[in-house]
Amino acid sequence: MPEILLKNASINGKIQNLLIKNNIIDYVGTNLPDADIEYDIRGLDVIPGMIDPHVHVRDLKQSEKEDWSSASNAALKGGITTVFDMPNTRPPTVNLQFLNAKREKAKLAKVNYKFNVAATSQNLKELAELLDTKPEDVAALKLFLAGSNSNEFVDDEEDIKQIFDLSLKYNLPVIVHTEWQKCVEEYSAKVQNPTVSDHNFMRNSECSVKGTDLLISLAKEIGNKLYLAHISTAEEIDIIKANKEKCRVFCEVTPHHLLINEEILKTAGNFGKVNPPLRTEKDNKRIMQGIIEGTVDTIGTDHAPHLLSEKLKEYSQAPAGFPGLETALPLLINEVNKGSFDLKKLIEITSFNTAKIFNLKNRGQIKEGYFADLTVIDMNKTWKIEAKNFKTKAKYSPYEGMSGKGDVVMTFVNGELRFENNR
């Protein structure tokens, strides 16, 4: 493998040179070591490649929606070097047999990857057998408190405790979708002939808050790592902040719950249908404050591709979710340019914290001896989101037509240049 030198790079606010040797960051500093290939990237910033813990790669019996090749291409364009695949696929990742099927498909991946495996009321024995194999490619357990394009949710408190016990025994975080199913059913029953404008009411913020409250109380009791996915409400941020020192709780938010709200549904329609729903401007503002104050630990895209034909169906038939791998980092860099938070905070929530929470060794930092997962960004490059140009198979977006400044221009995975945009 050729040695690569990135010259005149802005790294942590300093102009430095970075040498990649045998997949590893071999040197960072002001000296100019010899290399086989040199890139003079004066004026550009180098940050750790984004680690996305929340990706629905699909494949298997849903390969028409996405597969490992298309998802990888989308991730690389978006500056994402590691993805964790979610388990609610067809078939779902509930046992070793189905995990092995995913492993076979993932050989086409062009990025680093791990798997989140499903924890349900029915698979606890099989799950323990899977975890007894000590799989290094399993990042976490995934638990749904409500149905979200599937019915594999857990709504029994004793079952949740058993799953948390497994999490503690095998030292794996539990990633949880916090919406409480019974609450969702109660609110949904109040609406006749619903449209997408009713989605936020039907999957009410109360349902997410109730789930988060319960989960934190159980995590206090059991002591496991609790990772709350795609937090969408101001109230949840407040609850998590109040309990950060009392249990091992971690908070993930998505770019869409941070930056857009239910108002966009007037133009985006079902393209903006997602679970948990897009909430309100008040929630956007509290989530942003949660990032600044440190309550929010990570960003996950919740990349959830579906067929365009499915999203064009009437509201009740259209699945929830939309693509996010290609838009997440540009949207967040744009926020850095706007002064919402700085580049150091961006690195914390997109790579450093994620690597720490999920025990990813030698990833998530630009540091000698670490894997050379690197994203080169141009803080001044402007962009406009046009879904027709996406690498994902899902050519639609609630962000359609949105513009901003700050984009990915190069992505290195384990020292190999896997994506290069026009500079």
Protein backbone atom coordinates (compact mmCIF):
# COMPACT_ATOMS: atom_id res chain seq x y z
CA MET A 1 0.00 0.00 0.00
CA PRO A 2 1.49 3.39 -1.00
CA GLU A 3 2.41 5.91 1.66
CA ILE A 4 0.27 9.05 1.45
CA LEU A 5 1.13 12.53 2.66
CA LEU A 6 -1.52 15.18 3.25
CA LYS A 7 0.39 18.48 3.14
CA ASN A 8 -0.62 21.81 4.65
CA ALA A 9 -3.77 20.41 6.22
CA SER A 10 -5.68 22.28 8.89
CA ILE A 11 -5.88 19.80 11.77
CA ASN A 12 -7.30 20.93 15.10
CA GLY A 13 -6.76 24.54 14.07
CA LYS A 14 -3.07 24.11 13.14
CA ILE A 15 -1.45 23.78 9.71
CA GLN A 16 0.21 20.35 9.78
CA ASN A 17 1.28 17.46 7.59
CA LEU A 18 -0.14 13.97 8.00
CA LEU A 19 1.52 10.77 6.81
CA ILE A 20 -0.50 7.60 6.20
CA LYS A 21 1.46 4.35 6.28
CA ASN A 22 0.00 0.83 6.23
CA ASN A 23 -3.58 1.99 6.95
CA ILE A 24 -2.40 3.95 9.99
CA ILE A 25 -1.74 7.60 10.80
CA ASP A 26 2.05 7.37 11.08
CA TYR A 27 2.90 11.02 11.64
CA VAL A 28 1.19 14.34 12.38
CA GLY A 29 3.30 17.48 12.61
CA THR A 30 5.22 20.20 10.79
CA ASN A 31 7.96 18.04 9.29
CA LEU A 32 7.70 16.89 5.66
CA PRO A 33 8.30 13.12 5.51
CA ASP A 34 8.73 11.36 2.18
CA ALA A 35 5.72 9.60 0.68
CA ASP A 36 4.69 7.84 -2.52
CA ILE A 37 1.67 10.10 -3.04
CA GLU A 38 1.26 13.70 -1.91
CA TYR A 39 -1.86 15.82 -1.72
CA ASP A 40 -1.41 19.52 -1.05
CA ILE A 41 -4.66 20.39 0.69
CA ARG A 42 -3.85 23.91 1.77
CA GLY A 43 -7.04 25.68 2.85
CA LEU A 44 -8.84 22.46 3.74
CA ASP A 45 -9.59 20.88 7.12
CA VAL A 46 -9.01 17.24 8.02
CA ILE A 47 -11.31 15.70 10.62
CA PRO A 48 -11.82 12.10 11.77
CA GLY A 49 -14.19 10.21 9.50
CA MET A 50 -17.73 10.29 10.82
CA ILE A 51 -18.85 7.17 12.69
CA ASP A 52 -22.57 6.64 12.13
CA PRO A 53 -24.12 4.28 14.70
CA HIS A 54 -27.59 4.38 13.15
CA VAL A 55 -27.85 3.15 9.55
CA HIS A 56 -30.48 0.98 7.88
CA VAL A 57 -28.43 -0.63 5.10
CA ARG A 58 -31.39 -2.90 4.16
CA ASP A 59 -30.03 -5.48 1.64
CA LEU A 60 -31.06 -9.16 1.94
CA LYS A 61 -34.77 -9.23 0.99
CA GLN A 62 -34.85 -5.42 0.79
CA SER A 63 -31.93 -4.91 -1.58
CA GLU A 64 -34.16 -2.96 -3.96
CA LYS A 65 -34.18 -0.21 -1.29
CA GLU A 66 -30.45 -0.28 -0.51
CA ASP A 67 -27.50 -2.65 -0.42
CA TRP A 68 -24.00 -2.52 0.98
CA SER A 69 -22.53 -1.15 -2.24
CA SER A 70 -24.98 1.75 -2.61
CA ALA A 71 -24.98 2.52 1.11
CA SER A 72 -21.17 2.57 1.12
CA ASN A 73 -21.06 4.98 -1.81
CA ALA A 74 -23.53 7.26 -0.04
CA ALA A 75 -21.54 7.11 3.19
CA LEU A 76 -18.26 7.92 1.45
CA LYS A 77 -19.77 10.91 -0.32
CA GLY A 78 -20.99 12.08 3.07
CA GLY A 79 -17.60 11.71 4.78
CA ILE A 80 -18.73 8.71 6.82
CA THR A 81 -16.10 6.00 7.30
CA THR A 82 -17.85 3.63 9.73
CA VAL A 83 -21.49 2.55 9.88
CA PHE A 84 -23.47 0.41 12.32
CA ASP A 85 -26.23 -1.50 10.54
CA MET A 86 -29.62 -1.67 12.20
CA PRO A 87 -31.35 -5.05 12.69
CA ASN A 88 -34.95 -4.44 11.55
CA THR A 89 -34.34 -5.93 8.13
CA ARG A 90 -35.94 -8.84 6.30
CA PRO A 91 -35.01 -11.18 7.85
CA PRO A 92 -34.27 -9.29 11.08
CA THR A 93 -30.93 -9.74 12.85
CA VAL A 94 -32.29 -11.76 15.76
CA ASN A 95 -29.97 -14.78 15.75
CA LEU A 96 -26.60 -16.03 14.56
CA GLN A 97 -28.00 -17.47 11.34
CA PHE A 98 -29.38 -14.13 10.18
CA LEU A 99 -26.28 -12.28 11.39
CA ASN A 100 -24.16 -14.59 9.25
CA ALA A 101 -26.37 -13.81 6.25
CA LYS A 102 -25.66 -10.11 6.79
CA ARG A 103 -21.96 -10.76 7.19
CA GLU A 104 -21.91 -12.36 3.76
CA LYS A 105 -23.63 -9.36 2.15
CA ALA A 106 -21.42 -6.87 4.00
CA LYS A 107 -18.34 -8.17 2.19
CA LEU A 108 -19.26 -5.60 -0.48
CA ALA A 109 -18.87 -2.73 2.00
CA LYS A 110 -16.38 0.02 1.18
CA VAL A 111 -16.50 1.45 4.70
CA ASN A 112 -15.89 0.00 8.15
CA TYR A 113 -18.97 -1.58 9.65
CA LYS A 114 -20.48 -3.25 12.66
CA PHE A 115 -23.91 -4.72 13.34
CA ASN A 116 -26.54 -3.86 15.91
CA VAL A 117 -28.50 -7.00 16.81
CA ALA A 118 -32.17 -7.00 17.76
CA ALA A 119 -33.34 -7.75 21.28
CA THR A 120 -36.97 -8.86 21.47
CA SER A 121 -39.22 -10.67 23.92
CA GLN A 122 -38.84 -13.86 21.87
CA ASN A 123 -35.12 -14.12 21.10
CA LEU A 124 -33.33 -13.76 24.45
CA LYS A 125 -31.98 -17.33 24.41
CA GLU A 126 -30.78 -17.06 20.80
CA LEU A 127 -29.34 -13.64 21.54
CA ALA A 128 -27.28 -15.00 24.43
CA GLU A 129 -26.03 -17.82 22.19
CA LEU A 130 -25.01 -15.27 19.57
CA LEU A 131 -23.20 -13.11 22.12
CA ASP A 132 -21.44 -16.15 23.59
CA THR A 133 -19.50 -16.35 20.31
CA LYS A 134 -17.93 -13.00 21.33
CA PRO A 135 -18.51 -11.38 17.95
CA GLU A 136 -16.18 -8.44 17.39
CA ASP A 137 -18.45 -7.08 14.66
CA VAL A 138 -21.44 -6.56 16.98
CA ALA A 139 -21.62 -2.99 18.29
CA ALA A 140 -24.78 -3.04 20.40
CA LEU A 141 -28.17 -4.51 21.12
CA LYS A 142 -31.15 -2.71 19.59
CA LEU A 143 -34.49 -2.47 21.34
CA PHE A 144 -37.71 -0.94 19.99
CA LEU A 145 -40.37 0.21 22.45
CA ALA A 146 -42.76 0.83 19.55
CA GLY A 147 -43.35 -0.49 16.07
CA SER A 148 -41.49 1.43 13.37
CA ASN A 149 -41.96 -0.27 9.99
CA SER A 150 -41.90 -3.57 11.90
CA ASN A 151 -43.65 -5.24 14.84
CA GLU A 152 -40.58 -6.36 16.76
CA PHE A 153 -41.11 -4.06 19.72
CA VAL A 154 -40.88 -4.82 23.45
CA ASP A 155 -43.44 -3.28 25.79
CA ASP A 156 -43.04 -5.49 28.86
CA GLU A 157 -40.92 -4.04 31.66
CA GLU A 158 -39.58 -7.42 32.80
CA ASP A 159 -38.44 -8.24 29.26
CA ILE A 160 -36.66 -4.88 29.07
CA LYS A 161 -34.89 -5.69 32.35
CA GLN A 162 -33.72 -9.04 30.95
CA ILE A 163 -32.35 -7.30 27.87
CA PHE A 164 -30.57 -4.75 30.07
CA ASP A 165 -29.09 -7.64 32.09
CA LEU A 166 -27.70 -9.14 28.86
CA SER A 167 -26.30 -5.76 27.93
CA LEU A 168 -24.48 -5.56 31.25
CA LYS A 169 -23.22 -9.15 31.09
CA TYR A 170 -21.71 -8.75 27.62
CA ASN A 171 -20.66 -5.11 28.09
CA LEU A 172 -22.62 -3.88 25.10
CA PRO A 173 -24.74 -0.73 24.96
CA VAL A 174 -28.47 -1.06 24.37
CA ILE A 175 -29.67 1.29 21.65
CA VAL A 176 -33.34 2.09 22.21
CA HIS A 177 -36.09 3.61 20.10
CA THR A 178 -37.91 5.34 22.95
CA GLU A 179 -41.48 5.80 21.67
CA TRP A 180 -43.89 3.80 23.88
CA GLN A 181 -46.20 1.60 21.79
CA LYS A 182 -49.35 1.79 23.91
CA CYS A 183 -49.12 5.57 24.00
CA VAL A 184 -48.73 5.70 20.21
CA GLU A 185 -51.80 3.50 19.82
CA GLU A 186 -53.85 5.72 22.16
CA TYR A 187 -53.02 8.93 20.31
CA SER A 188 -53.40 7.33 16.87
CA ALA A 189 -56.93 6.19 17.77
CA LYS A 190 -57.95 9.82 18.24
CA VAL A 191 -57.43 10.71 14.57
CA GLN A 192 -59.74 9.64 11.77
CA ASN A 193 -58.41 9.68 8.18
CA PRO A 194 -54.96 10.93 9.18
CA THR A 195 -52.52 12.76 6.91
CA VAL A 196 -48.83 13.42 7.36
CA SER A 197 -49.65 16.64 9.23
CA ASP A 198 -51.10 14.45 12.01
CA HIS A 199 -47.95 12.35 12.38
CA ASN A 200 -46.42 14.39 15.21
CA PHE A 201 -49.69 14.26 17.18
CA MET A 202 -50.27 10.53 16.63
CA ARG A 203 -46.74 9.61 17.70
CA ASN A 204 -46.96 12.24 20.39
CA SER A 205 -43.96 13.68 22.19
CA GLU A 206 -45.52 12.28 25.37
CA CYS A 207 -44.87 8.77 24.02
CA SER A 208 -41.15 9.44 23.62
CA VAL A 209 -40.90 11.12 27.02
CA LYS A 210 -42.68 8.23 28.72
CA GLY A 211 -40.32 5.70 27.16
CA THR A 212 -37.21 7.70 28.01
CA ASP A 213 -38.33 8.12 31.62
CA LEU A 214 -38.88 4.37 32.05
CA LEU A 215 -35.63 3.39 30.36
CA ILE A 216 -33.54 5.69 32.52
CA SER A 217 -35.19 4.39 35.70
CA LEU A 218 -34.35 0.81 34.68
CA ALA A 219 -30.78 1.71 33.69
CA LYS A 220 -30.28 3.23 37.14
CA GLU A 221 -31.38 -0.06 38.67
CA ILE A 222 -29.34 -2.38 36.44
CA GLY A 223 -26.28 -0.28 35.59
CA ASN A 224 -25.99 -1.06 31.88
CA LYS A 225 -25.02 1.34 29.10
CA LEU A 226 -28.20 2.94 27.77
CA TYR A 227 -27.96 4.66 24.38
CA LEU A 228 -31.10 6.60 23.52
CA ALA A 229 -31.51 6.88 19.76
CA HIS A 230 -32.84 9.81 17.72
CA ILE A 231 -34.04 11.90 20.67
CA SER A 232 -36.63 14.30 19.32
CA THR A 233 -38.09 16.38 22.16
CA ALA A 234 -37.02 19.17 24.48
CA GLU A 235 -38.44 17.25 27.44
CA GLU A 236 -36.22 14.24 26.75
CA ILE A 237 -33.13 16.43 26.60
CA ASP A 238 -34.05 17.84 30.01
CA ILE A 239 -34.60 14.35 31.47
CA ILE A 240 -31.30 13.05 30.09
CA LYS A 241 -29.39 16.09 31.35
CA ALA A 242 -30.83 15.60 34.84
CA ASN A 243 -29.70 11.95 34.88
CA LYS A 244 -26.29 12.07 33.18
CA GLU A 245 -24.47 11.71 36.50
CA LYS A 246 -26.89 9.13 37.89
CA CYS A 247 -26.59 6.37 35.28
CA ARG A 248 -24.73 5.39 32.11
CA VAL A 249 -27.04 7.14 29.67
CA PHE A 250 -26.00 8.47 26.26
CA CYS A 251 -27.98 10.66 23.90
CA GLU A 252 -28.08 10.50 20.09
CA VAL A 253 -29.83 13.01 17.87
CA THR A 254 -30.30 13.13 14.11
CA PRO A 255 -29.68 16.11 11.84
CA HIS A 256 -33.38 16.17 11.00
CA HIS A 257 -34.57 16.39 14.60
CA LEU A 258 -31.99 19.13 15.12
CA LEU A 259 -32.56 21.24 12.02
CA ILE A 260 -36.08 20.77 10.63
CA ASN A 261 -39.53 20.38 12.13
CA GLU A 262 -43.13 19.57 11.26
CA GLU A 263 -43.50 22.82 9.30
CA ILE A 264 -41.48 21.28 6.47
CA LEU A 265 -44.18 18.64 5.97
CA LYS A 266 -46.27 21.28 4.21
CA THR A 267 -43.91 20.97 1.24
CA ALA A 268 -42.07 17.68 1.86
CA GLY A 269 -45.16 15.57 2.58
CA ASN A 270 -44.36 11.91 3.17
CA PHE A 271 -40.71 12.55 2.28
CA GLY A 272 -40.55 13.99 5.80
CA LYS A 273 -42.44 11.15 7.48
CA VAL A 274 -40.11 9.59 10.03
CA ASN A 275 -40.24 7.92 13.45
CA PRO A 276 -39.96 9.64 15.86
CA PRO A 277 -41.72 12.42 13.97
CA LEU A 278 -40.33 15.81 13.13
CA ARG A 279 -41.36 17.88 16.12
CA THR A 280 -41.43 21.66 16.68
CA GLU A 281 -39.07 24.62 16.47
CA LYS A 282 -38.94 24.63 20.27
CA ASP A 283 -37.60 21.07 20.18
CA ASN A 284 -35.02 22.03 17.52
CA LYS A 285 -33.71 24.83 19.73
CA ARG A 286 -33.48 22.68 22.88
CA ILE A 287 -31.68 19.91 21.00
CA MET A 288 -29.17 22.46 19.68
CA GLN A 289 -28.64 23.69 23.23
CA GLY A 290 -28.22 20.06 24.26
CA ILE A 291 -25.34 19.75 21.81
CA ILE A 292 -23.67 22.92 23.07
CA GLU A 293 -24.00 21.98 26.77
CA GLY A 294 -22.89 18.35 26.24
CA THR A 295 -26.15 16.54 26.95
CA VAL A 296 -26.16 15.25 23.37
CA ASP A 297 -23.30 12.80 22.87
CA THR A 298 -23.57 11.72 19.25
CA ILE A 299 -25.12 12.26 15.84
CA GLY A 300 -26.74 9.32 14.06
CA THR A 301 -28.20 9.76 10.60
CA ASP A 302 -30.99 7.17 10.94
CA HIS A 303 -30.44 6.64 7.21
CA ALA A 304 -33.66 4.79 6.31
CA PRO A 305 -34.09 4.38 2.54
CA HIS A 306 -37.36 3.29 0.95
CA LEU A 307 -38.59 3.04 -2.61
CA LEU A 308 -39.82 6.31 -4.07
CA SER A 309 -43.02 4.51 -5.09
CA GLU A 310 -43.63 3.62 -1.42
CA LYS A 311 -43.11 7.17 -0.20
CA LEU A 312 -45.57 8.45 -2.82
CA LYS A 313 -48.40 6.34 -1.38
CA GLU A 314 -51.04 7.85 0.89
CA TYR A 315 -49.86 8.69 4.40
CA SER A 316 -51.04 5.53 6.17
CA GLN A 317 -49.33 3.30 3.58
CA ALA A 318 -46.08 5.23 3.21
CA PRO A 319 -43.20 3.88 5.34
CA ALA A 320 -41.36 6.15 7.76
CA GLY A 321 -37.81 7.22 7.06
CA PHE A 322 -35.59 8.89 4.49
CA PRO A 323 -31.92 8.85 3.43
CA GLY A 324 -29.36 10.74 5.49
CA LEU A 325 -25.84 9.48 4.83
CA GLU A 326 -24.99 12.10 2.20
CA THR A 327 -26.59 15.10 3.86
CA ALA A 328 -25.65 14.79 7.55
CA LEU A 329 -22.09 16.11 7.59
CA PRO A 330 -22.66 18.97 5.10
CA LEU A 331 -25.67 20.10 7.14
CA LEU A 332 -23.61 20.02 10.34
CA ILE A 333 -20.61 21.79 8.77
CA ASN A 334 -23.02 24.47 7.63
CA GLU A 335 -24.02 24.90 11.29
CA VAL A 336 -20.34 25.37 12.18
CA ASN A 337 -20.13 28.10 9.55
CA LYS A 338 -23.26 29.71 11.02
CA GLY A 339 -21.66 29.73 14.48
CA SER A 340 -24.08 27.27 16.08
CA PHE A 341 -21.10 25.27 17.44
CA ASP A 342 -17.43 24.91 16.57
CA LEU A 343 -15.45 22.32 14.64
CA LYS A 344 -14.20 20.73 17.87
CA LYS A 345 -17.80 20.05 18.93
CA LEU A 346 -18.58 18.66 15.47
CA ILE A 347 -15.73 16.16 15.84
CA GLU A 348 -16.90 15.19 19.33
CA ILE A 349 -20.47 14.37 18.27
CA THR A 350 -19.65 12.72 14.92
CA SER A 351 -16.63 10.58 15.80
CA PHE A 352 -14.81 10.95 19.13
CA ASN A 353 -17.75 10.28 21.45
CA THR A 354 -19.16 7.50 19.28
CA ALA A 355 -15.84 5.64 19.25
CA LYS A 356 -15.61 5.96 23.03
CA ILE A 357 -19.18 4.84 23.79
CA PHE A 358 -18.97 1.79 21.51
CA ASN A 359 -15.36 0.86 22.39
CA LEU A 360 -13.94 1.32 18.89
CA LYS A 361 -10.20 0.95 19.35
CA ASN A 362 -7.90 3.41 17.59
CA ARG A 363 -10.68 5.23 15.76
CA GLY A 364 -12.42 8.56 16.19
CA GLN A 365 -9.33 10.77 16.53
CA ILE A 366 -6.53 12.13 14.38
CA LYS A 367 -3.66 10.68 16.34
CA GLU A 368 -0.48 8.78 15.52
CA GLY A 369 -1.14 5.04 15.69
CA TYR A 370 -4.85 5.39 14.90
CA PHE A 371 -6.51 4.06 11.77
CA ALA A 372 -6.45 6.60 8.95
CA ASP A 373 -10.20 7.14 8.70
CA LEU A 374 -10.18 10.74 7.55
CA THR A 375 -12.57 13.24 6.03
CA VAL A 376 -11.22 16.27 4.22
CA ILE A 377 -13.65 19.17 4.21
CA ASP A 378 -13.80 22.53 2.47
CA MET A 379 -15.45 24.99 4.83
CA ASN A 380 -16.13 27.36 1.92
CA LYS A 381 -17.55 24.95 -0.65
CA THR A 382 -21.22 25.67 -1.29
CA TRP A 383 -23.83 23.00 -1.97
CA LYS A 384 -27.46 22.52 -2.84
CA ILE A 385 -29.31 19.31 -2.03
CA GLU A 386 -30.73 17.61 -5.11
CA ALA A 387 -31.85 14.06 -4.42
CA LYS A 388 -31.46 13.05 -8.06
CA ASN A 389 -27.68 13.22 -7.49
CA PHE A 390 -27.66 10.97 -4.42
CA LYS A 391 -25.51 7.81 -4.37
CA THR A 392 -28.13 6.02 -2.25
CA LYS A 393 -30.91 4.21 -4.08
CA ALA A 394 -33.43 6.48 -2.31
CA LYS A 395 -33.66 9.55 -4.55
CA TYR A 396 -35.82 11.79 -2.37
CA SER A 397 -35.26 14.06 0.62
CA PRO A 398 -37.14 16.46 2.90
CA TYR A 399 -34.10 18.74 2.43
CA GLU A 400 -34.65 19.03 -1.34
CA GLY A 401 -33.48 22.44 -2.58
CA MET A 402 -31.79 23.40 0.69
CA SER A 403 -28.38 25.06 0.29
CA GLY A 404 -25.43 25.71 2.56
CA LYS A 405 -21.67 26.06 2.88
CA GLY A 406 -19.06 23.49 3.90
CA ASP A 407 -18.73 20.12 2.20
CA VAL A 408 -16.80 16.86 2.03
CA VAL A 409 -14.10 16.76 -0.65
CA MET A 410 -12.13 13.59 0.21
CA THR A 411 -12.81 10.49 2.30
CA PHE A 412 -10.11 8.04 3.39
CA VAL A 413 -10.98 4.65 4.89
CA ASN A 414 -8.10 2.84 6.57
CA GLY A 415 -5.70 5.01 4.62
CA GLU A 416 -7.24 4.43 1.20
CA LEU A 417 -8.77 7.31 -0.75
CA ARG A 418 -12.31 6.05 -1.39
CA PHE A 419 -14.03 9.29 -2.43
CA GLU A 420 -12.87 12.53 -4.02
CA ASN A 421 -15.13 15.42 -4.96
CA ASN A 422 -14.21 18.25 -7.30
CA ARG A 423 -12.15 20.79 -5.38
